[in-house]
Amino acid sequence: MTNFIIPAPWHVEATGGQFTLRFGDSVACATDGLTVLADQFVQELSAAADLRLVVGETGAVRLGISDDLGAETRPPGTHGLSPTEAGPLSEQYRLTVSSDGVAIVGTSREAVFRGLTSLRHLIEHSPADGGAVVLPTLEIVDAPRYGWRGLSLDVARTFFSVDEVKRVIDQLARFKLNVLHLHLSDDQGWRLQIDSWPNLTRVGGAGAVADRPGGYYTADEFRDLVHYAEQRFVSIVPEIDLPGHCQAVFASYPELRPSAPDIAPGIPISSLDPDHPGTMDFVRDVFAELADLSPAPYVHIGADEPFGMDDEKYERFVAEQCRIIDGLGKKAIGWQEAARAGDGAPAVVQYWMHQPEGMATPDQYADLGLDLPPEVLDVIVANVTRATTDLPAALAQGARVVMSPLAFTYLDRPYGEQGAPEQEGDRARLGLSLYPGTSVEESVSWDPLTILPDVTSEDDMAGIEAVIWCETLADFNELQFMLQPRLAGVAERAWTRPGPIEWDDYATRLAAQARWWRRDGWNFFRAASVDWS
């Protein structure tokens, strides 16, 4: 009966019996600190599975916190970095279903929440009988492989409302992902209120790609998102992408545009200049307000694709960004190019590309509506070619790596397999056409320690993060289509132990999610390689 859970638990032992969880049964908490989790579980279960439970002093479901899981086997410690800086044992839990009821013991509140998530999977897919659910008796002992398990969501190219982002957070929590990395600024839009620089949202937040409606999050809306995510043990890691991708900044404050010559005639430079008057004051103000809004220990500085920027200025800019963030009591994380700052680089870098294969041709850029002159293509090629040195440099500096390999975790790649007939139009239209298509199986059939020559030890890793850029996605319906079911595969890869994942077993568990997606109105891609019936 655990062939419904994604990601797969570390250890499962079926004991051959049954327990019936009935309408009106109680969830009991051994400590007061778990009552909020129990209340949330009861409310969400009532909406999702039509099983009405209550929170009481004794119950059919018992929750507790203990360093001793009370199991004969205990999972190994989690590798990498926690987005909350929790310890390597912080998500270990034991879920036991016996003839006497259900017991979940975790090493922390977060661990108990992960156990409740697994229980919800079991309840939603177990036989129902007149307001009761028949559960198999079993023991699950579980913990994640990596501490950092996330999704990078681009709200700059296409803006998504608070309610829409909350629905994405629900997906992350269900699949035990714990990071929502929000890409809040880019050439096409600025999405977070900064009081000291109001034009960033007044002007920079007004539009999006292809004349789509713009928008931004007020400070209160951002705090609301953070709170909603924290209730589900998801950390929001905000990204302000500097020094490149700054056309929205320059539209808002033209005086910040550097006096350097454009990359090519008619193609303005889009990177800040640390020596230009007012630039570093702007950077300090923005990150100070961001740090005040965000309780997460980490702030993402972007720092990717500094097209047309002098190497020395780029390295100096990134190093100063990291110093500013360190002074605010936070830790910087940047895309892999940030490693070029040497000793001033962040201690966590996000890998996305190692080889320049698959570089877009001028015709492919033209298909995207970008008629780029040769000078611009030369700059892009030079930056991507240099990517081969980023990861070795980061590792030599002692940095940890968040793995976001373009080939496996970029969810804006087109689907490379057939889907339901009525979805073929969307499949052909959505996703960046300069990328080869990928299948649902490819999202799960890789391992971070086998795809790169430089990353060979768990000690090199911070974790795994999926990425979705939204140039081709016009609305939330299209975002849903591209996120699932491949996001579930990345979650499986980030949680489960090393080694190959058996496709038939995974496909069975994946197909079971369709019931929940349909009930929730989630527009998922129905790949022909999975039996969704």
Protein backbone atom coordinates (compact mmCIF):
# COMPACT_ATOMS: atom_id res chain seq x y z
CA MET A 1 0.00 0.00 0.00
CA THR A 2 2.99 2.36 0.00
CA ASN A 3 3.05 2.27 -3.81
CA PHE A 4 1.17 5.57 -3.65
CA ILE A 5 3.84 7.63 -1.88
CA ILE A 6 6.14 10.04 -3.72
CA PRO A 7 8.93 10.36 -2.79
CA ALA A 8 9.49 6.73 -1.85
CA PRO A 9 10.20 6.17 1.87
CA TRP A 10 13.63 4.93 2.95
CA HIS A 11 12.30 1.78 4.67
CA VAL A 12 8.88 0.12 4.57
CA GLU A 13 7.81 -3.08 6.28
CA ALA A 14 4.26 -4.39 5.81
CA THR A 15 2.88 -6.40 8.74
CA GLY A 16 -0.13 -7.99 7.07
CA GLY A 17 -3.04 -6.52 9.03
CA GLN A 18 -5.52 -3.64 8.84
CA PHE A 19 -6.62 -0.68 10.90
CA THR A 20 -9.81 1.30 10.26
CA LEU A 21 -9.65 5.05 10.75
CA ARG A 22 -13.21 6.28 11.32
CA PHE A 23 -15.17 9.49 11.05
CA GLY A 24 -14.74 11.43 14.31
CA ASP A 25 -11.54 9.69 15.42
CA SER A 26 -9.02 11.91 17.19
CA VAL A 27 -5.48 13.06 16.52
CA ALA A 28 -3.61 13.33 19.81
CA CYS A 29 -0.39 15.28 20.41
CA ALA A 30 2.24 14.32 22.98
CA THR A 31 3.45 17.95 23.08
CA ASP A 32 1.61 21.25 22.70
CA GLY A 33 3.94 22.25 19.89
CA LEU A 34 2.30 19.70 17.61
CA THR A 35 -1.26 20.92 18.02
CA VAL A 36 -0.98 23.41 15.15
CA LEU A 37 0.23 20.63 12.86
CA ALA A 38 -2.65 18.38 13.96
CA ASP A 39 -5.22 21.13 13.36
CA GLN A 40 -3.84 21.81 9.89
CA PHE A 41 -3.74 18.11 9.04
CA VAL A 42 -7.36 17.60 10.13
CA GLN A 43 -8.57 20.60 8.10
CA GLU A 44 -6.73 19.67 4.92
CA LEU A 45 -7.67 16.00 5.19
CA SER A 46 -11.33 16.91 5.55
CA ALA A 47 -11.19 18.86 2.29
CA ALA A 48 -9.10 16.30 0.42
CA ALA A 49 -10.36 12.90 1.58
CA ASP A 50 -13.78 13.59 3.15
CA LEU A 51 -12.54 12.04 6.41
CA ARG A 52 -13.52 14.19 9.38
CA LEU A 53 -11.11 13.79 12.28
CA VAL A 54 -10.74 15.91 15.41
CA VAL A 55 -7.86 16.92 17.65
CA GLY A 56 -8.12 15.41 21.14
CA GLU A 57 -6.17 14.23 24.17
CA THR A 58 -6.20 10.58 23.14
CA GLY A 59 -6.66 9.34 19.65
CA ALA A 60 -6.46 6.87 16.85
CA VAL A 61 -3.57 8.96 15.46
CA ARG A 62 -0.82 9.82 17.94
CA LEU A 63 1.95 12.36 17.29
CA GLY A 64 5.18 12.77 19.21
CA ILE A 65 8.71 14.18 19.09
CA SER A 66 11.70 12.14 20.21
CA ASP A 67 15.35 11.65 19.33
CA ASP A 68 14.65 7.94 19.63
CA LEU A 69 12.42 6.78 16.77
CA GLY A 70 11.88 3.47 18.51
CA ALA A 71 12.70 1.51 15.36
CA GLU A 72 15.18 -1.30 14.81
CA THR A 73 16.55 0.51 11.78
CA ARG A 74 17.29 4.20 11.48
CA PRO A 75 17.96 6.04 8.23
CA PRO A 76 21.35 7.64 7.61
CA GLY A 77 21.79 11.35 8.23
CA THR A 78 20.73 13.77 5.53
CA HIS A 79 23.42 15.23 3.27
CA GLY A 80 23.74 18.82 2.12
CA LEU A 81 22.30 21.97 3.64
CA SER A 82 18.96 22.66 5.24
CA PRO A 83 17.35 25.94 4.06
CA THR A 84 16.57 26.63 7.73
CA GLU A 85 20.01 25.48 8.90
CA ALA A 86 18.43 22.56 10.78
CA GLY A 87 20.59 19.59 11.65
CA PRO A 88 21.11 16.47 9.51
CA LEU A 89 18.64 14.41 11.58
CA SER A 90 15.87 17.01 11.62
CA GLU A 91 13.48 15.29 9.18
CA GLN A 92 13.66 11.67 10.39
CA TYR A 93 10.33 10.10 11.28
CA ARG A 94 8.68 6.74 11.95
CA LEU A 95 5.09 6.09 10.88
CA THR A 96 3.50 2.96 12.35
CA VAL A 97 0.05 1.64 11.52
CA SER A 98 -0.92 -1.18 13.88
CA SER A 99 -4.14 -2.78 15.03
CA ASP A 100 -4.18 -0.16 17.83
CA GLY A 101 -3.95 2.90 15.58
CA VAL A 102 -1.45 5.19 13.89
CA ALA A 103 1.67 6.59 15.59
CA ILE A 104 4.06 9.15 14.11
CA VAL A 105 7.27 9.96 15.95
CA GLY A 106 9.67 12.51 14.51
CA THR A 107 12.90 14.15 15.57
CA SER A 108 11.31 17.61 15.16
CA ARG A 109 8.04 19.33 14.25
CA GLU A 110 9.22 19.26 10.63
CA ALA A 111 9.81 15.52 10.83
CA VAL A 112 6.31 14.95 12.21
CA PHE A 113 4.92 17.04 9.35
CA ARG A 114 6.73 14.81 6.84
CA GLY A 115 5.21 11.78 8.55
CA LEU A 116 1.73 13.32 8.37
CA THR A 117 2.29 13.93 4.68
CA SER A 118 3.00 10.22 4.15
CA LEU A 119 -0.07 9.33 6.20
CA ARG A 120 -2.17 11.61 4.02
CA HIS A 121 -0.92 9.76 0.93
CA LEU A 122 -1.96 6.46 2.54
CA ILE A 123 -5.39 7.73 3.59
CA GLU A 124 -6.22 9.29 0.24
CA HIS A 125 -5.45 6.08 -1.64
CA SER A 126 -6.81 3.48 0.79
CA PRO A 127 -10.25 1.85 0.52
CA ALA A 128 -13.03 4.04 1.94
CA ASP A 129 -16.11 2.59 3.59
CA GLY A 130 -18.89 4.91 4.70
CA GLY A 131 -16.79 7.64 6.29
CA ALA A 132 -14.02 5.25 7.32
CA VAL A 133 -10.68 4.40 5.70
CA VAL A 134 -9.05 0.98 5.92
CA LEU A 135 -5.26 1.28 6.27
CA PRO A 136 -2.73 -1.54 5.95
CA THR A 137 -0.63 -2.16 9.04
CA LEU A 138 3.00 -1.28 8.38
CA GLU A 139 6.05 0.61 9.55
CA ILE A 140 7.74 3.39 7.60
CA VAL A 141 11.10 4.75 8.72
CA ASP A 142 12.13 7.66 6.58
CA ALA A 143 14.40 10.67 6.01
CA PRO A 144 15.57 12.66 2.98
CA ARG A 145 18.80 12.15 1.14
CA TYR A 146 19.37 15.91 0.75
CA GLY A 147 18.50 18.81 3.01
CA TRP A 148 17.86 21.31 0.18
CA ARG A 149 15.01 20.19 -2.10
CA GLY A 150 13.32 22.89 -4.08
CA LEU A 151 11.82 24.68 -7.04
CA SER A 152 12.97 27.94 -8.60
CA LEU A 153 9.90 29.78 -9.91
CA ASP A 154 10.24 32.66 -12.37
CA VAL A 155 7.61 35.29 -11.51
CA ALA A 156 9.53 38.03 -13.35
CA ARG A 157 8.79 36.93 -16.94
CA THR A 158 5.18 36.01 -16.02
CA PHE A 159 3.61 37.24 -12.80
CA PHE A 160 1.63 34.83 -10.63
CA SER A 161 -0.72 35.95 -7.88
CA VAL A 162 -0.36 35.18 -4.19
CA ASP A 163 -3.10 32.54 -4.39
CA GLU A 164 -1.45 30.90 -7.39
CA VAL A 165 1.92 30.76 -5.64
CA LYS A 166 0.21 29.23 -2.61
CA ARG A 167 -1.07 26.44 -4.84
CA VAL A 168 2.51 25.82 -5.98
CA ILE A 169 3.58 25.69 -2.31
CA ASP A 170 0.90 23.02 -1.75
CA GLN A 171 2.52 20.93 -4.48
CA LEU A 172 5.96 21.34 -2.89
CA ALA A 173 4.71 20.30 0.54
CA ARG A 174 2.91 17.23 -0.78
CA PHE A 175 6.11 15.95 -2.38
CA LYS A 176 8.30 16.86 0.62
CA LEU A 177 10.12 19.68 -1.15
CA ASN A 178 11.23 22.42 1.22
CA VAL A 179 12.44 25.40 -0.84
CA LEU A 180 10.55 27.85 -3.04
CA HIS A 181 13.19 29.98 -4.73
CA LEU A 182 11.34 33.03 -6.10
CA HIS A 183 13.03 34.76 -9.05
CA LEU A 184 11.71 38.25 -8.26
CA SER A 185 13.56 40.43 -10.75
CA ASP A 186 14.72 40.27 -14.34
CA ASP A 187 14.79 42.37 -17.49
CA GLN A 188 11.04 41.92 -17.92
CA GLY A 189 9.81 42.81 -14.44
CA TRP A 190 10.43 43.66 -10.78
CA ARG A 191 8.05 41.84 -8.43
CA LEU A 192 8.71 42.96 -4.83
CA GLN A 193 7.83 46.24 -3.12
CA ILE A 194 10.94 48.19 -2.09
CA ASP A 195 9.87 51.30 -0.20
CA SER A 196 13.11 53.21 -0.70
CA TRP A 197 12.94 52.73 -4.49
CA PRO A 198 9.20 52.88 -5.31
CA ASN A 199 9.58 53.06 -9.09
CA LEU A 200 10.86 49.48 -9.10
CA THR A 201 7.28 48.27 -8.81
CA ARG A 202 5.48 51.38 -10.11
CA VAL A 203 7.40 51.20 -13.39
CA GLY A 204 9.40 47.98 -13.35
CA GLY A 205 6.48 45.89 -12.14
CA ALA A 206 4.02 47.17 -14.71
CA GLY A 207 4.69 44.65 -17.48
CA ALA A 208 5.92 41.18 -18.30
CA VAL A 209 6.96 39.17 -21.36
CA ALA A 210 4.90 39.58 -24.54
CA ASP A 211 2.63 42.33 -23.15
CA ARG A 212 1.32 40.05 -20.40
CA PRO A 213 -0.08 41.82 -17.34
CA GLY A 214 2.50 42.75 -14.75
CA GLY A 215 2.19 42.85 -11.00
CA TYR A 216 4.15 42.69 -7.80
CA TYR A 217 3.95 41.54 -4.20
CA THR A 218 3.49 44.16 -1.53
CA ALA A 219 5.51 43.73 1.63
CA ASP A 220 2.44 42.37 3.41
CA GLU A 221 1.68 39.94 0.56
CA PHE A 222 5.23 38.66 0.62
CA ARG A 223 5.04 38.15 4.40
CA ASP A 224 1.76 36.27 3.88
CA LEU A 225 3.44 33.97 1.36
CA VAL A 226 6.35 33.39 3.74
CA HIS A 227 3.96 32.52 6.57
CA TYR A 228 1.88 30.17 4.40
CA ALA A 229 5.04 28.41 3.24
CA GLU A 230 6.49 28.15 6.76
CA GLN A 231 3.30 26.43 7.96
CA ARG A 232 4.10 23.73 5.39
CA PHE A 233 7.84 23.66 6.15
CA VAL A 234 8.77 25.33 2.87
CA SER A 235 11.35 28.13 3.01
CA ILE A 236 10.99 30.97 0.54
CA VAL A 237 14.43 31.93 -0.74
CA PRO A 238 14.06 35.28 -2.53
CA GLU A 239 16.22 36.15 -5.52
CA ILE A 240 17.05 39.66 -6.67
CA ASP A 241 19.08 39.04 -9.82
CA LEU A 242 22.07 41.41 -9.95
CA PRO A 243 24.25 42.70 -11.57
CA GLY A 244 22.81 41.41 -14.86
CA HIS A 245 19.23 41.23 -16.16
CA CYS A 246 18.56 44.82 -15.05
CA GLN A 247 16.44 46.36 -17.82
CA ALA A 248 13.49 46.68 -15.41
CA VAL A 249 15.80 48.52 -13.00
CA PHE A 250 16.96 50.90 -15.72
CA ALA A 251 13.39 51.53 -16.88
CA SER A 252 12.52 52.45 -13.29
CA TYR A 253 15.65 54.50 -12.59
CA PRO A 254 17.43 55.53 -15.82
CA GLU A 255 20.13 57.29 -13.79
CA LEU A 256 21.45 53.86 -12.77
CA ARG A 257 22.15 52.84 -16.35
CA PRO A 258 25.94 52.69 -16.78
CA SER A 259 27.73 54.87 -19.30
CA ALA A 260 29.54 51.89 -20.83
CA PRO A 261 28.98 51.34 -24.56
CA ASP A 262 26.15 49.04 -25.55
CA ILE A 263 26.86 45.40 -26.37
CA ALA A 264 25.91 46.12 -29.98
CA PRO A 265 24.07 48.92 -31.80
CA GLY A 266 20.54 48.99 -30.45
CA ILE A 267 21.29 46.30 -27.82
CA PRO A 268 21.77 48.12 -24.50
CA ILE A 269 23.88 46.69 -21.73
CA SER A 270 21.70 45.21 -19.00
CA SER A 271 24.21 44.98 -16.14
CA LEU A 272 24.86 47.39 -13.29
CA ASP A 273 28.26 49.05 -12.91
CA PRO A 274 29.69 49.10 -9.37
CA ASP A 275 31.53 52.34 -10.17
CA HIS A 276 28.47 54.17 -11.47
CA PRO A 277 27.10 56.82 -9.05
CA GLY A 278 24.36 55.49 -6.80
CA THR A 279 24.64 51.85 -7.86
CA MET A 280 25.95 50.33 -4.66
CA ASP A 281 23.63 52.49 -2.55
CA PHE A 282 20.80 50.98 -4.57
CA VAL A 283 22.10 47.45 -3.94
CA ARG A 284 22.48 48.06 -0.19
CA ASP A 285 18.96 49.51 0.10
CA VAL A 286 17.32 46.67 -1.82
CA PHE A 287 18.98 43.87 0.10
CA ALA A 288 18.40 45.60 3.45
CA GLU A 289 14.65 45.70 2.81
CA LEU A 290 14.67 42.18 1.41
CA ALA A 291 16.46 40.85 4.49
CA ASP A 292 13.90 42.56 6.71
CA LEU A 293 11.02 40.91 4.81
CA SER A 294 12.52 37.42 4.62
CA PRO A 295 13.23 35.26 7.70
CA ALA A 296 15.08 32.64 5.61
CA PRO A 297 18.84 32.39 6.32
CA TYR A 298 19.60 32.49 2.59
CA VAL A 299 19.24 35.26 0.00
CA HIS A 300 19.80 34.54 -3.69
CA ILE A 301 21.85 37.16 -5.53
CA GLY A 302 21.34 35.77 -9.05
CA ALA A 303 24.62 36.86 -10.64
CA ASP A 304 24.05 34.82 -13.81
CA GLU A 305 24.77 35.83 -17.38
CA PRO A 306 26.61 39.14 -16.84
CA PHE A 307 26.54 39.85 -20.57
CA GLY A 308 28.76 42.74 -21.66
CA MET A 309 30.16 43.34 -18.17
CA ASP A 310 33.87 43.73 -17.52
CA ASP A 311 35.22 40.66 -15.70
CA GLU A 312 36.99 42.65 -12.98
CA LYS A 313 33.89 44.72 -12.27
CA TYR A 314 31.72 41.62 -12.18
CA GLU A 315 33.96 39.89 -9.66
CA ARG A 316 34.10 43.00 -7.49
CA PHE A 317 30.32 43.49 -7.69
CA VAL A 318 29.52 39.92 -6.64
CA ALA A 319 32.02 40.03 -3.78
CA GLU A 320 30.44 43.25 -2.51
CA GLN A 321 26.93 41.76 -2.78
CA CYS A 322 28.05 38.87 -0.59
CA ARG A 323 29.60 41.23 1.96
CA ILE A 324 26.38 43.26 2.12
CA ILE A 325 24.28 40.15 2.67
CA ASP A 326 26.69 38.81 5.27
CA GLY A 327 26.42 42.12 7.11
CA LEU A 328 22.64 41.71 7.19
CA GLY A 329 22.98 38.39 9.00
CA LYS A 330 22.14 36.33 5.91
CA LYS A 331 24.03 33.97 3.63
CA ALA A 332 24.33 34.47 -0.11
CA ILE A 333 23.62 31.90 -2.77
CA GLY A 334 24.20 32.60 -6.46
CA TRP A 335 24.03 30.92 -9.83
CA GLN A 336 27.23 29.14 -10.81
CA GLU A 337 28.76 32.20 -12.52
CA ALA A 338 29.10 33.75 -9.06
CA ALA A 339 32.06 31.41 -8.46
CA ARG A 340 34.05 33.74 -10.76
CA ALA A 341 34.31 36.17 -7.84
CA GLY A 342 37.00 33.96 -6.29
CA ASP A 343 37.48 34.51 -2.58
CA GLY A 344 34.48 36.84 -2.56
CA ALA A 345 32.10 34.27 -4.06
CA PRO A 346 29.13 32.88 -2.14
CA ALA A 347 29.55 29.68 -0.16
CA VAL A 348 26.60 28.10 -2.01
CA VAL A 349 26.32 28.12 -5.80
CA GLN A 350 23.57 26.79 -8.02
CA TYR A 351 24.79 24.71 -10.93
CA TRP A 352 22.80 24.78 -14.16
CA MET A 353 25.18 24.21 -17.10
CA HIS A 354 28.58 22.59 -17.54
CA GLN A 355 29.07 22.24 -21.27
CA PRO A 356 28.12 24.60 -24.12
CA GLU A 357 26.47 21.83 -26.10
CA GLY A 358 22.99 22.64 -27.28
CA MET A 359 23.78 26.35 -27.63
CA ALA A 360 21.02 28.08 -29.50
CA THR A 361 21.59 29.01 -33.13
CA PRO A 362 20.66 32.42 -34.56
CA ASP A 363 17.59 30.79 -36.17
CA GLN A 364 16.43 29.40 -32.82
CA TYR A 365 16.75 32.81 -31.19
CA ALA A 366 14.80 34.27 -34.12
CA ASP A 367 12.04 31.70 -33.50
CA LEU A 368 11.77 33.18 -30.01
CA GLY A 369 11.34 36.67 -31.45
CA LEU A 370 14.98 37.60 -30.75
CA ASP A 371 16.82 38.81 -33.82
CA LEU A 372 20.25 38.96 -32.22
CA PRO A 373 23.22 40.46 -34.09
CA PRO A 374 26.48 38.48 -34.25
CA GLU A 375 28.09 40.66 -31.56
CA VAL A 376 25.45 39.63 -29.04
CA LEU A 377 25.65 35.97 -29.93
CA ASP A 378 29.42 36.15 -29.46
CA VAL A 379 28.94 37.52 -25.93
CA ILE A 380 26.43 34.79 -25.07
CA VAL A 381 28.64 32.04 -26.45
CA ALA A 382 31.67 33.36 -24.55
CA ASN A 383 29.76 33.36 -21.25
CA VAL A 384 28.35 29.88 -21.70
CA THR A 385 31.69 28.49 -22.86
CA ARG A 386 33.25 29.82 -19.67
CA ALA A 387 30.65 27.81 -17.72
CA THR A 388 32.95 24.77 -17.97
CA THR A 389 35.23 26.41 -15.38
CA ASP A 390 32.55 27.57 -12.91
CA LEU A 391 31.94 24.34 -11.03
CA PRO A 392 35.60 23.38 -10.53
CA ALA A 393 36.26 26.91 -9.27
CA ALA A 394 33.34 26.76 -6.84
CA LEU A 395 34.43 23.39 -5.45
CA ALA A 396 38.03 24.54 -5.12
CA GLN A 397 36.75 27.46 -3.02
CA GLY A 398 34.89 25.02 -0.74
CA ALA A 399 31.42 25.97 -1.96
CA ARG A 400 28.42 23.64 -1.69
CA VAL A 401 26.45 23.02 -4.88
CA VAL A 402 22.70 23.14 -5.40
CA MET A 403 22.23 20.86 -8.40
CA SER A 404 19.88 22.21 -11.07
CA PRO A 405 21.20 20.50 -14.21
CA LEU A 406 19.53 21.92 -17.28
CA ALA A 407 19.19 18.49 -18.87
CA PHE A 408 17.12 17.00 -16.02
CA THR A 409 15.62 19.67 -13.77
CA TYR A 410 14.66 22.53 -16.11
CA LEU A 411 10.91 22.15 -16.33
CA ASP A 412 10.55 24.76 -19.08
CA ARG A 413 11.99 22.23 -21.51
CA PRO A 414 9.30 20.93 -23.90
CA TYR A 415 7.84 17.51 -23.19
CA GLY A 416 9.65 15.03 -25.41
CA GLU A 417 6.94 12.36 -25.47
CA GLN A 418 3.33 12.00 -26.50
CA GLY A 419 0.56 12.94 -24.11
CA ALA A 420 -3.22 12.82 -24.16
CA PRO A 421 -4.47 13.74 -27.67
CA GLU A 422 -6.21 16.87 -26.44
CA GLN A 423 -2.93 18.09 -24.89
CA GLU A 424 -0.78 17.80 -27.99
CA GLY A 425 -1.34 21.41 -29.00
CA ASP A 426 -0.08 22.66 -25.64
CA ARG A 427 2.78 20.19 -25.68
CA ALA A 428 3.96 21.51 -29.04
CA ARG A 429 3.56 25.14 -28.02
CA LEU A 430 4.90 25.33 -24.45
CA GLY A 431 8.51 25.22 -23.35
CA LEU A 432 11.60 26.89 -24.77
CA SER A 433 12.06 25.56 -28.29
CA LEU A 434 15.87 25.93 -28.11
CA TYR A 435 15.93 22.99 -25.66
CA PRO A 436 15.47 19.36 -26.70
CA GLY A 437 12.36 17.81 -25.20
CA THR A 438 12.58 15.56 -22.14
CA SER A 439 10.37 12.77 -20.90
CA VAL A 440 8.75 12.22 -17.53
CA GLU A 441 11.10 9.28 -16.96
CA GLU A 442 14.16 11.47 -17.54
CA SER A 443 13.13 13.74 -14.66
CA VAL A 444 13.73 10.88 -12.25
CA SER A 445 16.29 8.58 -13.95
CA TRP A 446 19.48 10.46 -13.07
CA ASP A 447 21.70 10.85 -10.04
CA PRO A 448 23.60 14.01 -9.04
CA LEU A 449 26.78 12.09 -8.32
CA THR A 450 27.03 10.45 -11.74
CA ILE A 451 26.34 13.23 -14.25
CA LEU A 452 29.38 15.48 -13.72
CA PRO A 453 33.08 14.70 -13.40
CA ASP A 454 33.56 17.42 -10.76
CA VAL A 455 30.79 16.43 -8.30
CA THR A 456 31.59 12.98 -6.95
CA SER A 457 30.92 13.26 -3.21
CA GLU A 458 27.83 13.94 -1.14
CA ASP A 459 30.02 16.44 0.73
CA ASP A 460 30.02 18.64 -2.39
CA MET A 461 26.25 18.89 -2.41
CA ALA A 462 23.77 21.28 -0.86
CA GLY A 463 20.80 19.64 -2.55
CA ILE A 464 18.65 19.59 -5.68
CA GLU A 465 16.37 22.24 -7.13
CA ALA A 466 14.06 22.16 -10.15
CA VAL A 467 13.83 25.31 -12.25
CA ILE A 468 11.06 26.74 -14.40
CA TRP A 469 11.50 29.87 -16.51
CA CYS A 470 8.31 31.39 -17.83
CA GLU A 471 9.06 33.07 -21.17
CA THR A 472 6.61 30.74 -22.95
CA LEU A 473 4.05 30.42 -20.14
CA ALA A 474 1.27 32.99 -20.32
CA ASP A 475 -0.81 32.00 -17.30
CA PHE A 476 -1.15 29.71 -14.31
CA ASN A 477 -2.88 26.97 -16.29
CA GLU A 478 0.19 26.68 -18.50
CA LEU A 479 2.51 26.76 -15.49
CA GLN A 480 0.64 23.82 -13.94
CA PHE A 481 0.95 21.87 -17.20
CA MET A 482 4.74 22.29 -17.29
CA LEU A 483 5.33 21.67 -13.58
CA GLN A 484 3.65 18.31 -13.16
CA PRO A 485 4.40 15.46 -13.37
CA ARG A 486 8.11 16.21 -13.81
CA LEU A 487 8.35 18.15 -10.53
CA ALA A 488 7.31 14.99 -8.69
CA GLY A 489 10.26 13.22 -10.34
CA VAL A 490 12.74 15.82 -9.11
CA ALA A 491 11.26 15.44 -5.61
CA GLU A 492 11.77 11.67 -5.79
CA ARG A 493 15.37 12.17 -6.88
CA ALA A 494 16.08 14.66 -4.08
CA TRP A 495 14.59 12.55 -1.27
CA THR A 496 15.32 8.92 -2.04
CA ARG A 497 18.59 7.09 -1.49
CA PRO A 498 21.28 6.83 -4.20
CA GLY A 499 20.96 4.37 -7.03
CA PRO A 500 18.61 3.73 -9.93
CA ILE A 501 14.88 4.27 -9.53
CA GLU A 502 12.85 1.44 -11.01
CA TRP A 503 10.60 3.05 -13.61
CA ASP A 504 7.63 0.67 -13.44
CA ASP A 505 7.33 1.11 -9.67
CA TYR A 506 7.72 4.89 -9.92
CA ALA A 507 5.21 5.13 -12.79
CA THR A 508 2.65 3.26 -10.67
CA ARG A 509 3.14 5.66 -7.78
CA LEU A 510 3.04 8.62 -10.16
CA ALA A 511 -0.22 7.50 -11.73
CA ALA A 512 -1.78 7.42 -8.25
CA GLN A 513 -1.21 11.19 -7.96
CA ALA A 514 -3.69 11.82 -10.78
CA ARG A 515 -6.58 11.31 -8.40
CA TRP A 516 -5.36 14.19 -6.22
CA TRP A 517 -4.44 16.43 -9.17
CA ARG A 518 -7.86 15.98 -10.76
CA ARG A 519 -9.68 16.65 -7.50
CA ASP A 520 -7.60 19.78 -6.97
CA GLY A 521 -8.13 21.00 -10.54
CA TRP A 522 -4.41 20.80 -11.35
CA ASN A 523 -3.67 20.78 -15.09
CA PHE A 524 -1.00 18.07 -15.37
CA PHE A 525 0.56 16.55 -18.50
CA ARG A 526 -0.79 13.06 -19.05
CA ALA A 527 2.29 11.42 -20.54
CA ALA A 528 1.62 8.32 -22.63
CA SER A 529 4.39 6.48 -20.75
CA VAL A 530 2.19 6.40 -17.61
CA ASP A 531 -1.12 4.60 -17.19
CA TRP A 532 -3.25 7.38 -15.66
CA SER A 533 -6.52 5.40 -15.64
